[in-house]
């Protein structure tokens, strides 16, 4: 039995369907607006990701060259020097809310005062720290892009379901009930007309 055939042809049912249609259209409007906002935020995060990647490409070569230079000056001892003079870095895994979408993020806590006294180490540590921050920021932007992409896909599915399935089905059900009521009204008018004719004929016979 089809969905249309299961509808009770009553005025109460018609009122219920009309309310459902109004609600579905309101939800559809809200979801479409949300979809537009999500897409704009997605593009903003994508641009941010591209910019962070460009920044990393700018930072990585100077860090590599300075590290190679220090290795040439201090030899293998440079690793012990790094260990003794580089302050401990800590990171905290957190979540952020972007347009109602939860994304993972890392907060890098600033290091304490470094103890570097050897030539070149202090500058290298500062450059390496900036590179590490840029890498974390890139990861944050790319995680946001992925999370927003998933939410856009999910929201688009709901918008399409409302647009192509739910709203047309409710509209069709309402049209069907109206047709039934119109048919009933015509039948009732026809019946009343027949009754009136019969009564008039009887009156003439009397």
N, C-alpha and C. Protein backbone atom coordinates (compact mmCIF):
# COMPACT_ATOMS: atom_id res chain seq x y z
N UNK A 1 0.85 -1.20 0.00
CA UNK A 1 0.00 0.00 0.00
C UNK A 1 0.88 1.24 0.00
N UNK A 2 0.62 2.19 -0.88
CA UNK A 2 1.46 3.38 -1.00
C UNK A 2 1.23 4.32 0.17
N UNK A 3 2.17 5.28 0.28
CA UNK A 3 2.07 6.28 1.34
C UNK A 3 0.78 7.09 1.20
N UNK A 4 0.40 7.39 -0.06
CA UNK A 4 -0.80 8.19 -0.28
C UNK A 4 -2.06 7.45 0.13
N UNK A 5 -2.07 6.14 -0.11
CA UNK A 5 -3.25 5.34 0.21
C UNK A 5 -3.46 5.19 1.72
N UNK A 6 -2.39 5.37 2.50
CA UNK A 6 -2.49 5.19 3.95
C UNK A 6 -3.00 6.45 4.65
N UNK A 7 -3.13 7.54 3.94
CA UNK A 7 -3.57 8.79 4.56
C UNK A 7 -5.07 8.74 4.83
N UNK A 8 -5.43 9.15 6.04
CA UNK A 8 -6.86 9.23 6.37
C UNK A 8 -7.44 10.50 5.76
N UNK A 9 -8.49 10.40 4.96
CA UNK A 9 -9.06 11.57 4.30
C UNK A 9 -9.94 12.39 5.25
N UNK A 10 -9.30 13.01 6.22
CA UNK A 10 -10.04 13.83 7.19
C UNK A 10 -9.45 15.24 7.22
N UNK A 11 -10.26 16.19 7.69
CA UNK A 11 -9.79 17.57 7.79
C UNK A 11 -8.64 17.69 8.79
N UNK A 12 -8.71 16.90 9.86
CA UNK A 12 -7.64 16.92 10.86
C UNK A 12 -6.32 16.48 10.24
N UNK A 13 -6.40 15.45 9.40
CA UNK A 13 -5.20 14.96 8.71
C UNK A 13 -4.64 16.03 7.78
N UNK A 14 -5.52 16.74 7.11
CA UNK A 14 -5.08 17.82 6.21
C UNK A 14 -4.36 18.92 7.00
N UNK A 15 -4.92 19.28 8.14
CA UNK A 15 -4.29 20.30 8.99
C UNK A 15 -2.92 19.83 9.45
N UNK A 16 -2.84 18.56 9.85
CA UNK A 16 -1.56 18.00 10.31
C UNK A 16 -0.51 18.04 9.21
N UNK A 17 -0.91 17.66 8.00
CA UNK A 17 0.03 17.65 6.87
C UNK A 17 0.48 19.06 6.51
N UNK A 18 -0.44 20.01 6.57
CA UNK A 18 -0.08 21.40 6.28
C UNK A 18 0.95 21.92 7.29
N UNK A 19 0.75 21.57 8.56
CA UNK A 19 1.71 22.00 9.59
C UNK A 19 3.07 21.36 9.36
N UNK A 20 3.06 20.09 8.99
CA UNK A 20 4.31 19.40 8.69
C UNK A 20 5.03 20.04 7.51
N UNK A 21 4.25 20.43 6.50
CA UNK A 21 4.85 21.07 5.32
C UNK A 21 5.47 22.41 5.68
N UNK A 22 4.77 23.20 6.48
CA UNK A 22 5.30 24.50 6.91
C UNK A 22 6.60 24.30 7.69
N UNK A 23 6.60 23.32 8.60
CA UNK A 23 7.79 23.04 9.40
C UNK A 23 8.94 22.57 8.51
N UNK A 24 8.64 21.68 7.58
CA UNK A 24 9.68 21.16 6.67
C UNK A 24 10.29 22.28 5.84
N UNK A 25 9.48 23.22 5.40
CA UNK A 25 9.98 24.33 4.59
C UNK A 25 10.84 25.27 5.43
N UNK A 26 10.46 25.46 6.70
CA UNK A 26 11.27 26.30 7.59
C UNK A 26 12.62 25.64 7.86
N UNK A 27 12.59 24.34 8.14
CA UNK A 27 13.84 23.60 8.39
C UNK A 27 14.73 23.63 7.15
N UNK A 28 14.10 23.46 5.99
CA UNK A 28 14.84 23.50 4.73
C UNK A 28 15.54 24.85 4.54
N UNK A 29 14.85 25.93 4.86
CA UNK A 29 15.42 27.28 4.74
C UNK A 29 16.60 27.45 5.69
N UNK A 30 16.42 27.01 6.94
CA UNK A 30 17.49 27.13 7.94
C UNK A 30 18.72 26.31 7.52
N UNK A 31 18.48 25.09 7.04
CA UNK A 31 19.60 24.23 6.64
C UNK A 31 20.32 24.79 5.42
N UNK A 32 19.58 25.38 4.50
CA UNK A 32 20.24 25.98 3.33
C UNK A 32 21.11 27.16 3.74
N UNK A 33 20.61 27.96 4.68
CA UNK A 33 21.42 29.09 5.18
C UNK A 33 22.66 28.57 5.91
N UNK A 34 22.47 27.52 6.70
CA UNK A 34 23.62 26.92 7.41
C UNK A 34 24.62 26.35 6.41
N UNK A 35 24.13 25.74 5.35
CA UNK A 35 25.01 25.17 4.34
C UNK A 35 25.87 26.26 3.69
N UNK A 36 25.26 27.41 3.41
CA UNK A 36 26.00 28.53 2.83
C UNK A 36 27.10 29.01 3.78
N UNK A 37 26.76 29.13 5.06
CA UNK A 37 27.73 29.57 6.06
C UNK A 37 28.86 28.55 6.19
N UNK A 38 28.51 27.27 6.21
CA UNK A 38 29.53 26.22 6.33
C UNK A 38 30.48 26.24 5.14
N UNK A 39 29.94 26.41 3.94
CA UNK A 39 30.79 26.44 2.74
C UNK A 39 31.74 27.64 2.80
N UNK A 40 31.24 28.80 3.23
CA UNK A 40 32.10 29.98 3.36
C UNK A 40 33.21 29.75 4.37
N UNK A 41 32.87 29.13 5.50
CA UNK A 41 33.87 28.84 6.52
C UNK A 41 34.87 27.80 6.02
N UNK A 42 34.37 26.82 5.28
CA UNK A 42 35.23 25.80 4.68
C UNK A 42 36.27 26.44 3.76
N UNK A 43 35.82 27.37 2.92
CA UNK A 43 36.74 28.05 2.00
C UNK A 43 37.75 28.91 2.76
N UNK A 44 37.30 29.55 3.84
CA UNK A 44 38.21 30.36 4.66
C UNK A 44 39.29 29.49 5.30
N UNK A 45 38.88 28.33 5.83
CA UNK A 45 39.85 27.42 6.44
C UNK A 45 40.79 26.83 5.39
N UNK A 46 40.27 26.62 4.19
CA UNK A 46 41.11 26.10 3.10
C UNK A 46 42.17 27.12 2.72
N UNK A 47 41.78 28.39 2.64
CA UNK A 47 42.76 29.45 2.36
C UNK A 47 43.79 29.54 3.47
N UNK A 48 43.31 29.40 4.72
CA UNK A 48 44.22 29.41 5.87
C UNK A 48 45.22 28.26 5.78
N UNK A 49 44.74 27.10 5.39
CA UNK A 49 45.61 25.93 5.25
C UNK A 49 46.68 26.17 4.18
N UNK A 50 46.28 26.75 3.06
CA UNK A 50 47.24 27.04 1.99
C UNK A 50 48.29 28.04 2.46
N UNK A 51 47.85 29.06 3.21
CA UNK A 51 48.77 30.08 3.72
C UNK A 51 49.75 29.48 4.72
N UNK A 52 49.26 28.60 5.61
CA UNK A 52 50.15 27.97 6.59
C UNK A 52 51.16 27.06 5.91
N UNK A 53 50.73 26.38 4.87
CA UNK A 53 51.66 25.51 4.13
C UNK A 53 52.75 26.35 3.45
N UNK A 54 52.35 27.49 2.92
CA UNK A 54 53.33 28.39 2.30
C UNK A 54 54.34 28.89 3.34
N UNK A 55 53.83 29.21 4.54
CA UNK A 55 54.71 29.68 5.61
C UNK A 55 55.70 28.60 6.02
N UNK A 56 55.23 27.36 6.11
CA UNK A 56 56.12 26.25 6.46
C UNK A 56 57.22 26.10 5.42
N UNK A 57 56.85 26.20 4.16
CA UNK A 57 57.84 26.09 3.08
C UNK A 57 58.90 27.18 3.18
N UNK A 58 58.50 28.36 3.67
CA UNK A 58 59.45 29.46 3.85
C UNK A 58 60.36 29.22 5.05
N UNK A 59 59.82 28.61 6.10
CA UNK A 59 60.58 28.44 7.34
C UNK A 59 61.50 27.22 7.33
N UNK A 60 61.11 26.19 6.60
CA UNK A 60 61.79 24.90 6.77
C UNK A 60 63.23 24.91 6.26
N UNK A 61 63.49 25.62 5.15
CA UNK A 61 64.84 25.62 4.59
C UNK A 61 65.84 26.35 5.50
N UNK A 62 65.51 27.56 6.02
CA UNK A 62 66.44 28.21 6.95
C UNK A 62 66.72 27.36 8.20
N UNK A 63 65.70 26.69 8.73
CA UNK A 63 65.90 25.83 9.90
C UNK A 63 66.83 24.67 9.55
N UNK A 64 66.59 24.08 8.40
CA UNK A 64 67.44 22.96 7.97
C UNK A 64 68.88 23.42 7.77
N UNK A 65 69.07 24.56 7.12
CA UNK A 65 70.43 25.06 6.85
C UNK A 65 71.16 25.40 8.14
N UNK A 66 70.43 26.06 9.08
CA UNK A 66 71.08 26.41 10.34
C UNK A 66 71.40 25.16 11.15
N UNK A 67 70.50 24.18 11.14
CA UNK A 67 70.78 22.93 11.84
C UNK A 67 71.97 22.20 11.25
N UNK A 68 72.05 22.19 9.92
CA UNK A 68 73.20 21.55 9.27
C UNK A 68 74.49 22.28 9.61
N UNK A 69 74.40 23.63 9.69
CA UNK A 69 75.59 24.40 10.05
C UNK A 69 76.05 24.10 11.46
N UNK A 70 75.10 24.00 12.40
CA UNK A 70 75.46 23.66 13.78
C UNK A 70 76.06 22.27 13.88
N UNK A 71 75.53 21.35 13.10
CA UNK A 71 76.07 19.99 13.10
C UNK A 71 77.50 20.01 12.58
N UNK A 72 77.76 20.88 11.60
CA UNK A 72 79.12 20.99 11.07
C UNK A 72 80.08 21.59 12.08
N UNK A 73 79.58 22.52 12.91
CA UNK A 73 80.44 23.18 13.90
C UNK A 73 80.68 22.31 15.12
N UNK A 74 79.62 21.74 15.68
CA UNK A 74 79.72 21.00 16.95
C UNK A 74 79.79 19.49 16.77
N UNK A 75 79.54 19.01 15.57
CA UNK A 75 79.55 17.56 15.33
C UNK A 75 78.39 16.88 16.05
N UNK A 76 78.62 15.62 16.41
CA UNK A 76 77.57 14.84 17.07
C UNK A 76 77.20 15.40 18.44
N UNK A 77 78.09 16.21 19.02
CA UNK A 77 77.81 16.79 20.34
C UNK A 77 76.63 17.75 20.32
N UNK A 78 76.26 18.19 19.11
CA UNK A 78 75.18 19.17 19.02
C UNK A 78 73.88 18.62 19.60
N UNK A 79 73.66 17.29 19.50
CA UNK A 79 72.42 16.71 20.03
C UNK A 79 72.36 16.80 21.54
N UNK A 80 73.51 16.59 22.20
CA UNK A 80 73.56 16.73 23.65
C UNK A 80 73.37 18.18 24.07
N UNK A 81 73.94 19.09 23.26
CA UNK A 81 73.77 20.51 23.56
C UNK A 81 72.30 20.90 23.47
N UNK A 82 71.64 20.41 22.42
CA UNK A 82 70.20 20.68 22.29
C UNK A 82 69.44 20.17 23.51
N UNK A 83 69.78 18.97 23.92
CA UNK A 83 69.06 18.35 25.03
C UNK A 83 69.24 19.14 26.32
N UNK A 84 70.44 19.67 26.54
CA UNK A 84 70.73 20.38 27.79
C UNK A 84 70.18 21.80 27.79
N UNK A 85 70.10 22.41 26.63
CA UNK A 85 69.78 23.84 26.59
C UNK A 85 68.36 24.16 26.12
N UNK A 86 67.71 23.20 25.47
CA UNK A 86 66.37 23.48 24.94
C UNK A 86 65.31 23.29 26.02
N UNK A 87 64.50 24.30 26.30
CA UNK A 87 63.44 24.14 27.31
C UNK A 87 62.39 23.13 26.84
N UNK A 88 61.74 22.50 27.81
CA UNK A 88 60.72 21.50 27.49
C UNK A 88 59.46 22.17 26.95
N UNK A 89 58.97 21.61 25.86
CA UNK A 89 57.71 22.09 25.28
C UNK A 89 56.58 21.16 25.69
N UNK A 90 55.44 21.71 25.99
CA UNK A 90 54.27 20.88 26.29
C UNK A 90 53.14 21.27 25.35
N UNK A 91 52.34 20.28 25.02
CA UNK A 91 51.19 20.53 24.14
C UNK A 91 49.94 19.92 24.77
N UNK A 92 48.81 20.53 24.51
CA UNK A 92 47.54 20.08 25.06
C UNK A 92 46.57 19.85 23.90
N UNK A 93 45.99 18.65 23.85
CA UNK A 93 45.00 18.34 22.82
C UNK A 93 43.65 18.89 23.27
N UNK A 94 43.06 19.74 22.45
CA UNK A 94 41.77 20.35 22.78
C UNK A 94 40.80 20.20 21.61
N UNK A 95 39.58 20.64 21.83
CA UNK A 95 38.59 20.69 20.74
C UNK A 95 38.08 22.11 20.61
N UNK A 96 37.81 22.51 19.40
CA UNK A 96 37.26 23.84 19.14
C UNK A 96 35.93 23.71 18.42
N UNK A 97 35.11 24.72 18.57
CA UNK A 97 33.79 24.73 17.94
C UNK A 97 33.78 25.76 16.82
N UNK A 98 33.63 25.28 15.58
CA UNK A 98 33.56 26.17 14.42
C UNK A 98 32.19 26.02 13.78
N UNK A 99 31.34 27.02 13.93
CA UNK A 99 29.99 26.96 13.35
C UNK A 99 29.23 25.72 13.81
N UNK A 100 29.40 25.35 15.08
CA UNK A 100 28.71 24.18 15.60
C UNK A 100 29.38 22.87 15.26
N UNK A 101 30.55 22.94 14.62
CA UNK A 101 31.29 21.73 14.24
C UNK A 101 32.49 21.58 15.17
N UNK A 102 32.61 20.43 15.80
CA UNK A 102 33.70 20.18 16.73
C UNK A 102 34.94 19.72 15.96
N UNK A 103 36.06 20.40 16.20
CA UNK A 103 37.32 20.03 15.55
C UNK A 103 38.42 19.88 16.60
N UNK A 104 39.36 19.00 16.30
CA UNK A 104 40.47 18.80 17.22
C UNK A 104 41.55 19.85 16.99
N UNK A 105 42.22 20.21 18.07
CA UNK A 105 43.27 21.22 17.97
C UNK A 105 44.35 20.93 19.01
N UNK A 106 45.53 21.47 18.79
CA UNK A 106 46.63 21.33 19.74
C UNK A 106 47.05 22.73 20.17
N UNK A 107 47.15 22.92 21.47
CA UNK A 107 47.66 24.18 22.01
C UNK A 107 49.09 23.93 22.47
N UNK A 108 50.01 24.69 21.89
CA UNK A 108 51.42 24.56 22.24
C UNK A 108 51.75 25.60 23.29
N UNK A 109 52.15 25.13 24.46
CA UNK A 109 52.48 26.05 25.54
C UNK A 109 53.88 26.61 25.32
N UNK A 110 54.00 27.91 25.50
CA UNK A 110 55.28 28.57 25.24
C UNK A 110 56.36 28.00 26.13
N UNK A 111 57.57 27.81 25.57
CA UNK A 111 58.67 27.26 26.38
C UNK A 111 59.15 28.28 27.39
N UNK A 112 59.84 27.76 28.41
CA UNK A 112 60.45 28.65 29.38
C UNK A 112 61.69 29.30 28.80
N UNK A 113 62.43 29.98 29.61
CA UNK A 113 63.65 30.65 29.15
C UNK A 113 64.66 29.60 28.72
N UNK A 114 65.15 29.76 27.46
CA UNK A 114 66.13 28.76 27.01
C UNK A 114 67.49 29.05 27.63
N UNK A 115 68.29 28.00 27.71
CA UNK A 115 69.59 28.09 28.37
C UNK A 115 70.74 28.10 27.37
N UNK A 116 70.42 28.36 26.11
CA UNK A 116 71.45 28.28 25.08
C UNK A 116 72.46 29.41 25.25
N UNK A 117 73.73 29.05 25.31
CA UNK A 117 74.81 30.02 25.39
C UNK A 117 75.80 29.80 24.25
N UNK A 118 75.60 28.72 23.52
CA UNK A 118 76.51 28.40 22.42
C UNK A 118 76.08 29.17 21.17
N UNK A 119 77.06 29.55 20.40
CA UNK A 119 76.83 30.36 19.20
C UNK A 119 75.86 29.64 18.25
N UNK A 120 74.84 30.33 17.85
CA UNK A 120 73.91 29.80 16.87
C UNK A 120 72.77 28.99 17.43
N UNK A 121 72.93 28.43 18.64
CA UNK A 121 71.89 27.55 19.19
C UNK A 121 70.60 28.31 19.49
N UNK A 122 70.76 29.51 20.07
CA UNK A 122 69.57 30.28 20.47
C UNK A 122 68.71 30.63 19.25
N UNK A 123 69.37 31.10 18.19
CA UNK A 123 68.63 31.44 16.97
C UNK A 123 67.97 30.21 16.35
N UNK A 124 68.70 29.09 16.37
CA UNK A 124 68.15 27.86 15.80
C UNK A 124 66.90 27.42 16.57
N UNK A 125 66.98 27.51 17.91
CA UNK A 125 65.84 27.11 18.73
C UNK A 125 64.62 28.00 18.45
N UNK A 126 64.86 29.30 18.28
CA UNK A 126 63.76 30.23 17.99
C UNK A 126 63.13 29.91 16.64
N UNK A 127 63.98 29.64 15.64
CA UNK A 127 63.46 29.31 14.31
C UNK A 127 62.70 27.99 14.31
N UNK A 128 63.25 27.01 15.03
CA UNK A 128 62.61 25.69 15.10
C UNK A 128 61.25 25.79 15.80
N UNK A 129 61.18 26.65 16.83
CA UNK A 129 59.92 26.83 17.55
C UNK A 129 58.87 27.45 16.64
N UNK A 130 59.25 28.45 15.85
CA UNK A 130 58.32 29.07 14.90
C UNK A 130 57.84 28.06 13.86
N UNK A 131 58.76 27.20 13.40
CA UNK A 131 58.39 26.17 12.43
C UNK A 131 57.40 25.18 13.05
N UNK A 132 57.66 24.79 14.30
CA UNK A 132 56.76 23.86 14.98
C UNK A 132 55.37 24.47 15.15
N UNK A 133 55.33 25.75 15.51
CA UNK A 133 54.03 26.43 15.65
C UNK A 133 53.28 26.45 14.32
N UNK A 134 54.01 26.71 13.23
CA UNK A 134 53.38 26.75 11.91
C UNK A 134 52.83 25.38 11.52
N UNK A 135 53.57 24.32 11.86
CA UNK A 135 53.11 22.96 11.55
C UNK A 135 51.84 22.64 12.31
N UNK A 136 51.80 23.03 13.60
CA UNK A 136 50.60 22.78 14.41
C UNK A 136 49.41 23.58 13.88
N UNK A 137 49.66 24.82 13.49
CA UNK A 137 48.58 25.65 12.93
C UNK A 137 48.06 25.08 11.62
N UNK A 138 48.98 24.51 10.81
CA UNK A 138 48.55 23.86 9.57
C UNK A 138 47.67 22.65 9.88
N UNK A 139 48.11 21.85 10.85
CA UNK A 139 47.31 20.69 11.25
C UNK A 139 45.93 21.09 11.74
N UNK A 140 45.87 22.18 12.49
CA UNK A 140 44.59 22.69 13.00
C UNK A 140 43.68 23.11 11.85
N UNK A 141 44.25 23.84 10.87
CA UNK A 141 43.45 24.30 9.73
C UNK A 141 42.97 23.13 8.89
N UNK A 142 43.84 22.14 8.67
CA UNK A 142 43.46 21.00 7.84
C UNK A 142 42.43 20.11 8.54
N UNK A 143 42.53 20.01 9.86
CA UNK A 143 41.51 19.26 10.62
C UNK A 143 40.16 19.97 10.52
N UNK A 144 40.18 21.31 10.57
CA UNK A 144 38.94 22.08 10.42
C UNK A 144 38.34 21.88 9.03
N UNK A 145 39.19 21.84 8.01
CA UNK A 145 38.72 21.62 6.63
C UNK A 145 38.02 20.27 6.53
N UNK A 146 38.64 19.23 7.10
CA UNK A 146 38.06 17.89 7.05
C UNK A 146 36.73 17.83 7.81
N UNK A 147 36.70 18.41 9.02
CA UNK A 147 35.48 18.37 9.84
C UNK A 147 34.35 19.15 9.16
N UNK A 148 34.67 20.31 8.62
CA UNK A 148 33.65 21.11 7.94
C UNK A 148 33.17 20.42 6.67
N UNK A 149 34.09 19.74 5.98
CA UNK A 149 33.70 18.99 4.78
C UNK A 149 32.70 17.90 5.10
N UNK A 150 32.94 17.19 6.21
CA UNK A 150 32.00 16.14 6.63
C UNK A 150 30.64 16.74 6.98
N UNK A 151 30.65 17.87 7.68
CA UNK A 151 29.39 18.51 8.08
C UNK A 151 28.63 19.05 6.86
N UNK A 152 29.37 19.58 5.89
CA UNK A 152 28.73 20.06 4.65
C UNK A 152 28.05 18.91 3.93
N UNK A 153 28.74 17.78 3.85
CA UNK A 153 28.18 16.61 3.18
C UNK A 153 26.91 16.14 3.88
N UNK A 154 26.95 16.10 5.23
CA UNK A 154 25.79 15.66 6.00
C UNK A 154 24.62 16.65 5.85
N UNK A 155 24.93 17.94 5.93
CA UNK A 155 23.88 18.96 5.80
C UNK A 155 23.27 18.94 4.40
N UNK A 156 24.11 18.74 3.39
CA UNK A 156 23.61 18.69 2.01
C UNK A 156 22.66 17.51 1.81
N UNK A 157 22.98 16.39 2.46
CA UNK A 157 22.07 15.23 2.36
C UNK A 157 20.70 15.56 2.95
N UNK A 158 20.69 16.25 4.10
CA UNK A 158 19.42 16.61 4.72
C UNK A 158 18.65 17.62 3.87
N UNK A 159 19.36 18.58 3.30
CA UNK A 159 18.71 19.56 2.43
C UNK A 159 18.09 18.87 1.22
N UNK A 160 18.83 17.96 0.61
CA UNK A 160 18.31 17.24 -0.56
C UNK A 160 17.12 16.36 -0.20
N UNK A 161 17.18 15.72 0.98
CA UNK A 161 16.07 14.87 1.41
C UNK A 161 14.79 15.71 1.57
N UNK A 162 14.94 16.88 2.16
CA UNK A 162 13.79 17.77 2.32
C UNK A 162 13.30 18.28 0.96
N UNK A 163 14.25 18.67 0.12
CA UNK A 163 13.91 19.31 -1.16
C UNK A 163 13.30 18.35 -2.17
N UNK A 164 13.82 17.12 -2.19
CA UNK A 164 13.41 16.19 -3.25
C UNK A 164 12.51 15.04 -2.78
N UNK A 165 12.39 14.86 -1.46
CA UNK A 165 11.58 13.73 -0.97
C UNK A 165 10.46 14.21 -0.05
N UNK A 166 10.85 14.81 1.08
CA UNK A 166 9.86 15.11 2.13
C UNK A 166 8.87 16.19 1.70
N UNK A 167 9.38 17.34 1.25
CA UNK A 167 8.48 18.44 0.86
C UNK A 167 7.59 18.05 -0.33
N UNK A 168 8.13 17.44 -1.40
CA UNK A 168 7.24 17.01 -2.50
C UNK A 168 6.20 15.98 -2.06
N UNK A 169 6.60 15.06 -1.17
CA UNK A 169 5.65 14.04 -0.70
C UNK A 169 4.52 14.68 0.09
N UNK A 170 4.86 15.59 1.01
CA UNK A 170 3.82 16.27 1.78
C UNK A 170 2.91 17.08 0.88
N UNK A 171 3.50 17.77 -0.11
CA UNK A 171 2.69 18.57 -1.04
C UNK A 171 1.74 17.68 -1.83
N UNK A 172 2.23 16.51 -2.23
CA UNK A 172 1.39 15.58 -2.99
C UNK A 172 0.25 15.04 -2.13
N UNK A 173 0.57 14.73 -0.87
CA UNK A 173 -0.46 14.23 0.04
C UNK A 173 -1.54 15.29 0.28
N UNK A 174 -1.11 16.54 0.43
CA UNK A 174 -2.08 17.63 0.63
C UNK A 174 -2.96 17.81 -0.61
N UNK A 175 -2.34 17.75 -1.79
CA UNK A 175 -3.12 17.86 -3.03
C UNK A 175 -4.14 16.73 -3.15
N UNK A 176 -3.71 15.52 -2.76
CA UNK A 176 -4.61 14.37 -2.84
C UNK A 176 -5.82 14.55 -1.93
N UNK A 177 -5.57 15.02 -0.70
CA UNK A 177 -6.68 15.24 0.23
C UNK A 177 -7.62 16.34 -0.27
N UNK A 178 -7.04 17.40 -0.83
CA UNK A 178 -7.89 18.47 -1.37
C UNK A 178 -8.76 17.94 -2.51
N UNK A 179 -8.18 17.11 -3.37
CA UNK A 179 -8.96 16.52 -4.46
C UNK A 179 -10.09 15.66 -3.92
N UNK A 180 -9.81 14.89 -2.84
CA UNK A 180 -10.84 14.06 -2.24
C UNK A 180 -11.96 14.92 -1.66
N UNK A 181 -11.57 16.00 -0.98
CA UNK A 181 -12.58 16.88 -0.39
C UNK A 181 -13.41 17.58 -1.47
N UNK A 182 -12.73 17.99 -2.56
CA UNK A 182 -13.46 18.62 -3.67
C UNK A 182 -14.44 17.63 -4.29
N UNK A 183 -14.00 16.39 -4.42
CA UNK A 183 -14.87 15.35 -4.98
C UNK A 183 -16.07 15.11 -4.07
N UNK A 184 -15.81 15.06 -2.77
CA UNK A 184 -16.91 14.87 -1.81
C UNK A 184 -17.90 16.03 -1.90
N UNK A 185 -17.34 17.24 -2.03
CA UNK A 185 -18.21 18.42 -2.09
C UNK A 185 -19.09 18.38 -3.33
N UNK A 186 -18.49 17.98 -4.46
CA UNK A 186 -19.29 17.88 -5.70
C UNK A 186 -20.37 16.81 -5.57
N UNK A 187 -19.98 15.67 -4.96
CA UNK A 187 -20.96 14.60 -4.76
C UNK A 187 -22.09 15.05 -3.85
N UNK A 188 -21.72 15.79 -2.80
CA UNK A 188 -22.73 16.28 -1.86
C UNK A 188 -23.68 17.27 -2.53
N UNK A 189 -23.12 18.15 -3.35
CA UNK A 189 -23.96 19.10 -4.09
C UNK A 189 -24.89 18.38 -5.06
N UNK A 190 -24.33 17.37 -5.72
CA UNK A 190 -25.14 16.59 -6.66
C UNK A 190 -26.25 15.85 -5.93
N UNK A 191 -25.94 15.29 -4.77
CA UNK A 191 -26.94 14.57 -3.98
C UNK A 191 -28.05 15.51 -3.51
N UNK A 192 -27.62 16.69 -3.03
CA UNK A 192 -28.61 17.66 -2.57
C UNK A 192 -29.51 18.13 -3.71
N UNK A 193 -28.90 18.26 -4.88
CA UNK A 193 -29.69 18.66 -6.05
C UNK A 193 -30.73 17.61 -6.41
N UNK A 194 -30.31 16.33 -6.34
CA UNK A 194 -31.25 15.24 -6.63
C UNK A 194 -32.37 15.21 -5.62
N UNK A 195 -32.01 15.37 -4.35
CA UNK A 195 -33.03 15.38 -3.29
C UNK A 195 -34.01 16.53 -3.50
N UNK A 196 -33.46 17.69 -3.87
CA UNK A 196 -34.31 18.85 -4.12
C UNK A 196 -35.28 18.60 -5.27
N UNK A 197 -34.78 17.98 -6.32
CA UNK A 197 -35.64 17.66 -7.48
C UNK A 197 -36.74 16.68 -7.10
N UNK A 198 -36.37 15.69 -6.31
CA UNK A 198 -37.36 14.70 -5.87
C UNK A 198 -38.45 15.36 -5.03
N UNK A 199 -38.01 16.23 -4.12
CA UNK A 199 -38.98 16.92 -3.27
C UNK A 199 -39.90 17.83 -4.09
N UNK A 200 -39.32 18.49 -5.08
CA UNK A 200 -40.14 19.36 -5.93
C UNK A 200 -41.16 18.56 -6.73
N UNK A 201 -40.76 17.40 -7.24
CA UNK A 201 -41.69 16.54 -7.98
C UNK A 201 -42.82 16.05 -7.09
N UNK A 202 -42.47 15.68 -5.87
CA UNK A 202 -43.50 15.22 -4.92
C UNK A 202 -44.49 16.34 -4.61
N UNK A 203 -43.91 17.54 -4.49
CA UNK A 203 -44.77 18.68 -4.17
C UNK A 203 -45.76 18.95 -5.30
N UNK A 204 -45.29 18.78 -6.53
CA UNK A 204 -46.17 18.99 -7.69
C UNK A 204 -47.26 17.93 -7.74
N UNK A 205 -46.93 16.71 -7.38
CA UNK A 205 -47.90 15.62 -7.40
C UNK A 205 -48.99 15.81 -6.34
N UNK A 206 -48.62 16.47 -5.29
CA UNK A 206 -49.60 16.71 -4.23
C UNK A 206 -50.55 17.79 -4.69
